[in-house]
Protein backbone atom coordinates (compact mmCIF):
# COMPACT_ATOMS: atom_id res chain seq x y z
CA MET A 1 68.05 106.83 129.26
CA SER A 2 69.75 109.89 130.74
CA ARG A 3 73.31 110.26 131.47
CA ARG A 4 74.38 110.38 135.07
CA THR A 5 76.73 112.89 136.14
CA PRO A 6 79.89 111.87 138.07
CA ARG A 7 78.39 113.49 141.28
CA GLN A 8 75.51 111.13 140.85
CA ILE A 9 77.75 108.07 140.28
CA ALA A 10 79.92 108.79 143.06
CA VAL A 11 76.69 109.36 145.62
CA ASP A 12 75.47 106.06 144.38
CA ASP A 13 78.79 104.50 144.82
CA GLN A 14 78.91 106.01 148.52
CA LEU A 15 75.51 104.84 149.34
CA ARG A 16 76.15 101.08 148.24
CA ALA A 17 79.60 101.30 150.20
CA ALA A 18 77.52 102.58 153.06
CA GLY A 19 74.90 99.48 152.74
CA ALA A 20 77.68 97.16 152.40
CA GLU A 21 79.36 98.19 155.58
CA GLY A 22 76.07 98.12 157.48
CA ALA A 23 75.43 94.75 156.07
CA ARG A 24 78.88 93.56 157.32
CA TRP A 25 78.43 95.42 160.83
CA LEU A 26 75.15 93.70 161.59
CA ALA A 27 76.65 90.34 160.44
CA ALA A 28 79.66 90.68 162.73
CA ALA A 29 77.31 91.71 165.73
CA GLY A 30 75.49 88.52 165.30
CA TRP A 31 72.34 89.66 163.42
CA GLY A 32 73.39 87.32 160.22
CA PRO A 33 73.17 88.45 156.64
CA PRO A 34 70.29 90.78 155.89
CA VAL A 35 66.95 89.21 154.63
CA THR A 36 65.08 91.30 151.89
CA VAL A 37 61.69 92.47 153.15
CA PRO A 38 59.32 94.38 150.95
CA LEU A 39 58.37 97.71 152.75
CA GLU A 40 54.63 96.60 152.68
CA ARG A 41 55.57 93.53 154.61
CA ALA A 42 57.93 95.20 157.17
CA ALA A 43 56.50 95.66 160.74
CA ALA A 44 54.44 98.69 161.52
CA TRP A 45 56.98 100.01 163.85
CA GLN A 46 59.58 100.22 160.89
CA GLN A 47 57.38 101.61 158.35
CA GLU A 48 56.24 104.44 160.79
CA ALA A 49 60.14 105.06 161.78
CA ARG A 50 60.99 105.26 158.12
CA ALA A 51 58.03 107.54 157.39
CA ARG A 52 58.76 109.98 160.17
CA MET A 53 62.45 110.10 159.18
CA LEU A 54 61.65 110.72 155.51
CA ALA A 55 59.00 113.56 156.69
CA ALA A 56 61.72 115.16 159.00
CA GLN A 57 64.19 114.99 156.00
CA GLU A 58 61.48 116.70 153.61
CA ASP A 59 60.68 119.44 155.93
CA GLU A 60 64.44 119.88 156.95
CA SER A 61 63.76 119.18 160.88
CA CYS A 62 66.02 116.08 160.60
CA THR A 63 68.91 116.12 162.82
CA TRP A 64 72.12 113.93 163.21
CA CYS A 65 75.28 113.46 165.11
CA ASP A 66 78.19 115.15 163.95
CA HIS A 67 80.22 111.95 163.23
CA LEU A 68 78.02 111.42 160.31
CA LEU A 69 79.42 114.26 158.40
CA HIS A 70 82.89 113.02 158.51
CA GLY A 71 84.47 109.83 157.71
CA GLY A 72 83.30 108.80 154.30
CA PRO A 73 80.39 106.54 153.89
CA GLN A 74 78.89 104.72 156.57
CA PRO A 75 75.61 103.32 157.93
CA VAL A 76 73.14 105.48 159.56
CA LEU A 77 71.00 104.30 162.50
CA VAL A 78 67.55 105.25 163.12
CA HIS A 79 66.17 104.72 166.42
CA ALA A 80 62.40 104.14 166.23
CA GLU A 81 61.58 106.32 169.31
CA HIS A 82 63.57 109.15 167.69
CA PRO A 83 63.53 108.91 164.03
CA ALA A 84 64.24 112.38 163.06
CA HIS A 85 67.82 112.26 164.53
CA LEU A 86 69.96 110.07 162.72
CA LEU A 87 73.11 108.38 164.47
CA CYS A 88 76.47 106.76 163.62
CA ARG A 89 77.28 103.50 164.97
CA ALA A 90 79.23 104.75 167.91
CA CYS A 91 76.55 107.00 168.96
CA SER A 92 73.76 104.31 168.71
CA VAL A 93 75.72 101.83 170.85
CA ALA A 94 76.45 104.70 173.49
CA ALA A 95 72.84 105.60 173.57
CA ARG A 96 71.34 102.11 174.30
CA PRO A 97 71.51 102.37 178.21
CA HIS A 98 69.35 105.60 178.00
CA ARG A 99 66.67 104.40 175.20
CA ARG A 100 63.29 104.07 175.88
CA CYS A 101 60.93 101.08 174.94
CA LEU A 102 58.92 102.03 172.06
CA ASP A 103 56.00 100.04 173.28
CA CYS A 104 55.38 101.56 176.42
CA GLY A 105 57.92 104.60 177.05
CA ARG A 106 59.61 103.27 180.05
CA PRO A 107 63.42 102.97 180.05
CA ALA A 108 64.27 99.81 178.05
CA ALA A 109 67.37 99.26 180.52
CA SER A 110 69.22 97.28 177.92
CA THR A 111 73.04 97.25 178.11
CA SER A 112 73.74 94.92 175.50
CA ARG A 113 72.27 93.51 172.30
CA LEU A 114 72.75 90.12 173.73
CA ASP A 115 69.72 90.35 175.60
CA GLY A 116 67.70 89.89 172.40
CA ARG A 117 65.12 92.59 172.92
CA GLU A 118 66.29 94.77 169.97
CA ASP A 119 64.54 94.45 166.74
CA VAL A 120 66.47 95.48 163.62
CA CYS A 121 65.73 96.28 160.01
CA MET A 122 68.13 97.53 157.25
CA GLY A 123 67.20 99.74 154.27
CA ALA A 124 69.54 100.67 151.69
CA VAL A 125 71.83 102.59 154.01
CA ALA A 126 69.77 103.22 157.11
CA ILE A 127 69.42 100.36 160.15
CA TYR A 128 66.34 100.99 161.91
CA SER A 129 66.38 99.84 165.49
CA ARG A 130 63.45 99.29 168.13
CA LEU A 131 64.32 98.37 171.64
CA ARG A 132 61.77 97.00 174.05
CA CYS A 133 61.77 96.78 177.86
CA ALA A 134 61.68 93.31 179.33
CA ALA A 135 58.04 93.39 180.15
CA CYS A 136 56.98 94.38 176.60
CA PHE A 137 59.06 92.01 175.32
CA ARG A 138 58.02 89.02 177.26
CA GLY A 139 54.45 89.96 176.26
CA ASP A 140 55.10 89.65 172.63
CA PRO A 141 58.55 88.10 172.14
CA LEU A 142 58.06 87.40 168.31
CA GLY A 143 56.30 90.54 167.31
CA GLY A 144 59.15 92.60 165.51
CA THR A 145 60.38 92.36 161.98
CA PHE A 146 57.54 91.38 159.68
CA ARG A 147 54.09 92.69 159.20
CA GLY A 148 51.51 91.08 161.80
CA GLY A 149 54.09 91.65 164.20
CA ALA A 150 53.97 94.69 166.53
């Protein structure tokens, strides 16, 4: 087993802290505690968002809000409609009224998570979010988090 450098240990500690903070934030927002879902069982939208985010990081086309560069470890939000642009919590919340439905591309017209039309999956640090318009949600209210759903 190779020894880890102090930098590797610090990064791992920060990732754990950001993941724990994300889980606390989701629980406080009413989502409840995270449930572990193997990647192969995650919904297609979440798998695609994750793959596109990782590809953008690999080819260095990934962008992020400036708030992620400051303030210590924090969760990263990935909107499924723009997975190559990473957001802090505040920017994600501020973007809600302007987000588009991932299913049809029309404005999702959501001003609060209380409307129940947002699907959320949490990775180790990233929180993936898909928002749908009322019509698409009514057409498939249960499709969302697990494989077999949209």
